Amino acid sequence: MFIYKIGSALFVAIVTAAMGWFGYVESTGSLMVEQTTNAIFGIRFLIGCVPALCLIISVIFINKLSLGKESFDNVKKSISSNL
């Protein structure tokens, strides 16, 4: 749970910093702020491109794993021998 909290805190800090770099201005109270085109681009980039990039990177790493019937059987044998 501790690692999850640290990861979440880092993620929020990075996204907040990135939104600032793109020029995002937070609305306060009843004052609505119209966002610049750079801020809107930043929102779209962080919502669309960053998750897609993470997906691509994870697929690359998953493909490098040696997952097959033989390795699965080895894992099953290892688990059953430890019980």
N, C-alpha and C. Protein backbone atom coordinates (compact mmCIF):
# COMPACT_ATOMS: atom_id res chain seq x y z
N MET A 1 0.82 -1.19 0.00
CA MET A 1 0.00 0.00 0.00
C MET A 1 0.87 1.26 0.00
N PHE A 2 2.01 1.18 0.66
CA PHE A 2 2.90 2.33 0.74
C PHE A 2 3.44 2.70 -0.65
N ILE A 3 3.83 1.68 -1.43
CA ILE A 3 4.35 1.93 -2.78
C ILE A 3 3.26 2.54 -3.65
N TYR A 4 2.03 2.08 -3.49
CA TYR A 4 0.90 2.64 -4.25
C TYR A 4 0.73 4.12 -3.94
N LYS A 5 0.82 4.48 -2.68
CA LYS A 5 0.66 5.89 -2.28
C LYS A 5 1.80 6.74 -2.82
N ILE A 6 3.01 6.22 -2.77
CA ILE A 6 4.16 6.96 -3.31
C ILE A 6 4.00 7.15 -4.81
N GLY A 7 3.61 6.09 -5.51
CA GLY A 7 3.41 6.17 -6.95
C GLY A 7 2.32 7.16 -7.32
N SER A 8 1.23 7.14 -6.57
CA SER A 8 0.14 8.09 -6.83
C SER A 8 0.59 9.52 -6.60
N ALA A 9 1.33 9.74 -5.54
CA ALA A 9 1.81 11.10 -5.24
C ALA A 9 2.76 11.59 -6.34
N LEU A 10 3.65 10.73 -6.80
CA LEU A 10 4.56 11.11 -7.87
C LEU A 10 3.80 11.39 -9.16
N PHE A 11 2.80 10.57 -9.46
CA PHE A 11 2.01 10.77 -10.67
C PHE A 11 1.29 12.11 -10.63
N VAL A 12 0.67 12.43 -9.51
CA VAL A 12 -0.04 13.71 -9.38
C VAL A 12 0.92 14.87 -9.51
N ALA A 13 2.09 14.76 -8.91
CA ALA A 13 3.09 15.84 -9.00
C ALA A 13 3.56 16.03 -10.43
N ILE A 14 3.81 14.95 -11.15
CA ILE A 14 4.28 15.05 -12.53
C ILE A 14 3.21 15.63 -13.43
N VAL A 15 1.97 15.18 -13.27
CA VAL A 15 0.87 15.70 -14.11
C VAL A 15 0.62 17.17 -13.80
N THR A 16 0.67 17.55 -12.54
CA THR A 16 0.47 18.94 -12.17
C THR A 16 1.56 19.82 -12.77
N ALA A 17 2.81 19.36 -12.71
CA ALA A 17 3.91 20.12 -13.30
C ALA A 17 3.75 20.22 -14.82
N ALA A 18 3.36 19.12 -15.45
CA ALA A 18 3.18 19.12 -16.90
C ALA A 18 2.05 20.07 -17.31
N MET A 19 0.98 20.09 -16.54
CA MET A 19 -0.12 21.02 -16.86
C MET A 19 0.35 22.46 -16.73
N GLY A 20 1.20 22.74 -15.76
CA GLY A 20 1.77 24.08 -15.62
C GLY A 20 2.65 24.44 -16.80
N TRP A 21 3.43 23.47 -17.29
CA TRP A 21 4.29 23.72 -18.46
C TRP A 21 3.47 24.05 -19.69
N PHE A 22 2.29 23.43 -19.80
CA PHE A 22 1.43 23.69 -20.95
C PHE A 22 0.61 24.97 -20.78
N GLY A 23 0.68 25.60 -19.63
CA GLY A 23 0.00 26.88 -19.42
C GLY A 23 -1.41 26.76 -18.85
N TYR A 24 -1.71 25.64 -18.20
CA TYR A 24 -3.03 25.47 -17.59
C TYR A 24 -3.19 26.44 -16.43
N VAL A 25 -4.35 27.09 -16.36
CA VAL A 25 -4.67 28.01 -15.27
C VAL A 25 -5.91 27.48 -14.57
N GLU A 26 -5.79 27.25 -13.27
CA GLU A 26 -6.89 26.69 -12.50
C GLU A 26 -7.96 27.73 -12.25
N SER A 27 -9.22 27.32 -12.39
CA SER A 27 -10.33 28.20 -12.05
C SER A 27 -10.46 28.29 -10.53
N THR A 28 -10.77 29.48 -10.03
CA THR A 28 -10.91 29.66 -8.59
C THR A 28 -12.28 30.23 -8.29
N GLY A 29 -12.94 29.61 -7.34
CA GLY A 29 -14.26 30.08 -6.94
C GLY A 29 -15.23 30.10 -8.11
N SER A 30 -15.89 31.24 -8.30
CA SER A 30 -16.85 31.35 -9.39
C SER A 30 -16.21 31.91 -10.66
N LEU A 31 -14.92 32.19 -10.62
CA LEU A 31 -14.21 32.72 -11.78
C LEU A 31 -13.80 31.58 -12.70
N MET A 32 -14.40 31.53 -13.88
CA MET A 32 -14.07 30.51 -14.86
C MET A 32 -13.00 31.06 -15.80
N VAL A 33 -11.92 30.32 -15.95
CA VAL A 33 -10.80 30.74 -16.79
C VAL A 33 -10.86 29.98 -18.11
N GLU A 34 -10.76 30.72 -19.21
CA GLU A 34 -10.72 30.07 -20.51
C GLU A 34 -9.28 29.63 -20.77
N GLN A 35 -9.11 28.36 -21.08
CA GLN A 35 -7.78 27.80 -21.26
C GLN A 35 -7.23 28.14 -22.65
N THR A 36 -5.92 28.29 -22.72
CA THR A 36 -5.25 28.58 -23.99
C THR A 36 -5.22 27.30 -24.84
N THR A 37 -4.87 27.47 -26.11
CA THR A 37 -4.77 26.30 -26.98
C THR A 37 -3.65 25.37 -26.53
N ASN A 38 -2.58 25.93 -25.97
CA ASN A 38 -1.51 25.09 -25.44
C ASN A 38 -1.99 24.25 -24.25
N ALA A 39 -2.79 24.85 -23.39
CA ALA A 39 -3.32 24.12 -22.23
C ALA A 39 -4.25 23.01 -22.69
N ILE A 40 -5.08 23.29 -23.67
CA ILE A 40 -6.00 22.26 -24.19
C ILE A 40 -5.20 21.14 -24.85
N PHE A 41 -4.14 21.51 -25.60
CA PHE A 41 -3.28 20.50 -26.19
C PHE A 41 -2.64 19.65 -25.09
N GLY A 42 -2.19 20.28 -24.01
CA GLY A 42 -1.58 19.55 -22.90
C GLY A 42 -2.54 18.56 -22.26
N ILE A 43 -3.78 18.98 -22.08
CA ILE A 43 -4.79 18.08 -21.51
C ILE A 43 -4.99 16.89 -22.43
N ARG A 44 -5.14 17.15 -23.71
CA ARG A 44 -5.34 16.06 -24.67
C ARG A 44 -4.12 15.14 -24.74
N PHE A 45 -2.93 15.72 -24.69
CA PHE A 45 -1.71 14.93 -24.73
C PHE A 45 -1.61 14.02 -23.52
N LEU A 46 -1.87 14.58 -22.33
CA LEU A 46 -1.76 13.79 -21.10
C LEU A 46 -2.85 12.73 -20.99
N ILE A 47 -4.00 12.97 -21.57
CA ILE A 47 -5.10 12.01 -21.50
C ILE A 47 -4.98 10.95 -22.60
N GLY A 48 -4.45 11.33 -23.75
CA GLY A 48 -4.43 10.40 -24.88
C GLY A 48 -3.07 9.80 -25.18
N CYS A 49 -2.08 10.62 -25.41
CA CYS A 49 -0.78 10.14 -25.88
C CYS A 49 0.03 9.45 -24.79
N VAL A 50 0.02 9.97 -23.60
CA VAL A 50 0.82 9.37 -22.53
C VAL A 50 0.33 7.96 -22.19
N PRO A 51 -0.98 7.73 -22.01
CA PRO A 51 -1.41 6.34 -21.77
C PRO A 51 -1.12 5.41 -22.95
N ALA A 52 -1.26 5.93 -24.18
CA ALA A 52 -0.95 5.10 -25.34
C ALA A 52 0.53 4.73 -25.36
N LEU A 53 1.39 5.66 -25.02
CA LEU A 53 2.82 5.39 -24.95
C LEU A 53 3.14 4.36 -23.87
N CYS A 54 2.49 4.47 -22.73
CA CYS A 54 2.68 3.48 -21.66
C CYS A 54 2.22 2.10 -22.10
N LEU A 55 1.12 2.04 -22.85
CA LEU A 55 0.63 0.77 -23.36
C LEU A 55 1.64 0.15 -24.32
N ILE A 56 2.18 0.95 -25.22
CA ILE A 56 3.16 0.45 -26.19
C ILE A 56 4.40 -0.07 -25.48
N ILE A 57 4.88 0.69 -24.50
CA ILE A 57 6.07 0.25 -23.75
C ILE A 57 5.79 -1.05 -23.00
N SER A 58 4.61 -1.17 -22.39
CA SER A 58 4.30 -2.40 -21.66
C SER A 58 4.17 -3.59 -22.61
N VAL A 59 3.62 -3.39 -23.80
CA VAL A 59 3.51 -4.48 -24.78
C VAL A 59 4.91 -4.93 -25.21
N ILE A 60 5.82 -4.00 -25.40
CA ILE A 60 7.20 -4.36 -25.77
C ILE A 60 7.84 -5.22 -24.69
N PHE A 61 7.67 -4.82 -23.42
CA PHE A 61 8.26 -5.60 -22.34
C PHE A 61 7.58 -6.95 -22.17
N ILE A 62 6.28 -7.01 -22.36
CA ILE A 62 5.57 -8.29 -22.25
C ILE A 62 6.01 -9.25 -23.34
N ASN A 63 6.23 -8.73 -24.54
CA ASN A 63 6.69 -9.59 -25.64
C ASN A 63 8.08 -10.14 -25.40
N LYS A 64 8.89 -9.47 -24.61
CA LYS A 64 10.25 -9.95 -24.32
C LYS A 64 10.25 -11.04 -23.24
N LEU A 65 9.14 -11.22 -22.53
CA LEU A 65 9.06 -12.27 -21.53
C LEU A 65 8.96 -13.62 -22.22
N SER A 66 9.55 -14.62 -21.60
CA SER A 66 9.47 -15.96 -22.16
C SER A 66 8.26 -16.67 -21.55
N LEU A 67 7.11 -16.38 -22.11
CA LEU A 67 5.88 -16.99 -21.64
C LEU A 67 5.45 -18.05 -22.65
N GLY A 68 5.46 -19.27 -22.22
CA GLY A 68 5.05 -20.37 -23.08
C GLY A 68 4.61 -21.54 -22.22
N LYS A 69 4.24 -22.62 -22.87
CA LYS A 69 3.77 -23.79 -22.14
C LYS A 69 4.87 -24.35 -21.24
N GLU A 70 6.08 -24.39 -21.76
CA GLU A 70 7.19 -24.94 -20.99
C GLU A 70 7.47 -24.12 -19.72
N SER A 71 7.51 -22.81 -19.85
CA SER A 71 7.77 -21.97 -18.67
C SER A 71 6.59 -22.03 -17.71
N PHE A 72 5.36 -22.14 -18.24
CA PHE A 72 4.19 -22.26 -17.39
C PHE A 72 4.24 -23.56 -16.59
N ASP A 73 4.62 -24.65 -17.24
CA ASP A 73 4.74 -25.92 -16.54
C ASP A 73 5.82 -25.87 -15.46
N ASN A 74 6.92 -25.18 -15.75
CA ASN A 74 7.98 -25.02 -14.75
C ASN A 74 7.49 -24.25 -13.54
N VAL A 75 6.70 -23.22 -13.75
CA VAL A 75 6.15 -22.44 -12.64
C VAL A 75 5.20 -23.31 -11.82
N LYS A 76 4.36 -24.08 -12.49
CA LYS A 76 3.44 -24.98 -11.78
C LYS A 76 4.20 -25.99 -10.93
N LYS A 77 5.26 -26.57 -11.48
CA LYS A 77 6.06 -27.54 -10.73
C LYS A 77 6.70 -26.87 -9.52
N SER A 78 7.21 -25.67 -9.71
CA SER A 78 7.86 -24.95 -8.62
C SER A 78 6.86 -24.64 -7.50
N ILE A 79 5.66 -24.26 -7.87
CA ILE A 79 4.64 -23.94 -6.87
C ILE A 79 4.22 -25.20 -6.13
N SER A 80 3.99 -26.27 -6.87
CA SER A 80 3.51 -27.51 -6.23
C SER A 80 4.59 -28.13 -5.34
N SER A 81 5.86 -27.93 -5.68
CA SER A 81 6.92 -28.48 -4.84
C SER A 81 7.08 -27.68 -3.54
N ASN A 82 6.68 -26.42 -3.55
CA ASN A 82 6.79 -25.60 -2.35
C ASN A 82 5.62 -25.77 -1.40
N LEU A 83 4.56 -26.45 -1.84
CA LEU A 83 3.40 -26.66 -0.97
C LEU A 83 3.60 -27.82 -0.12
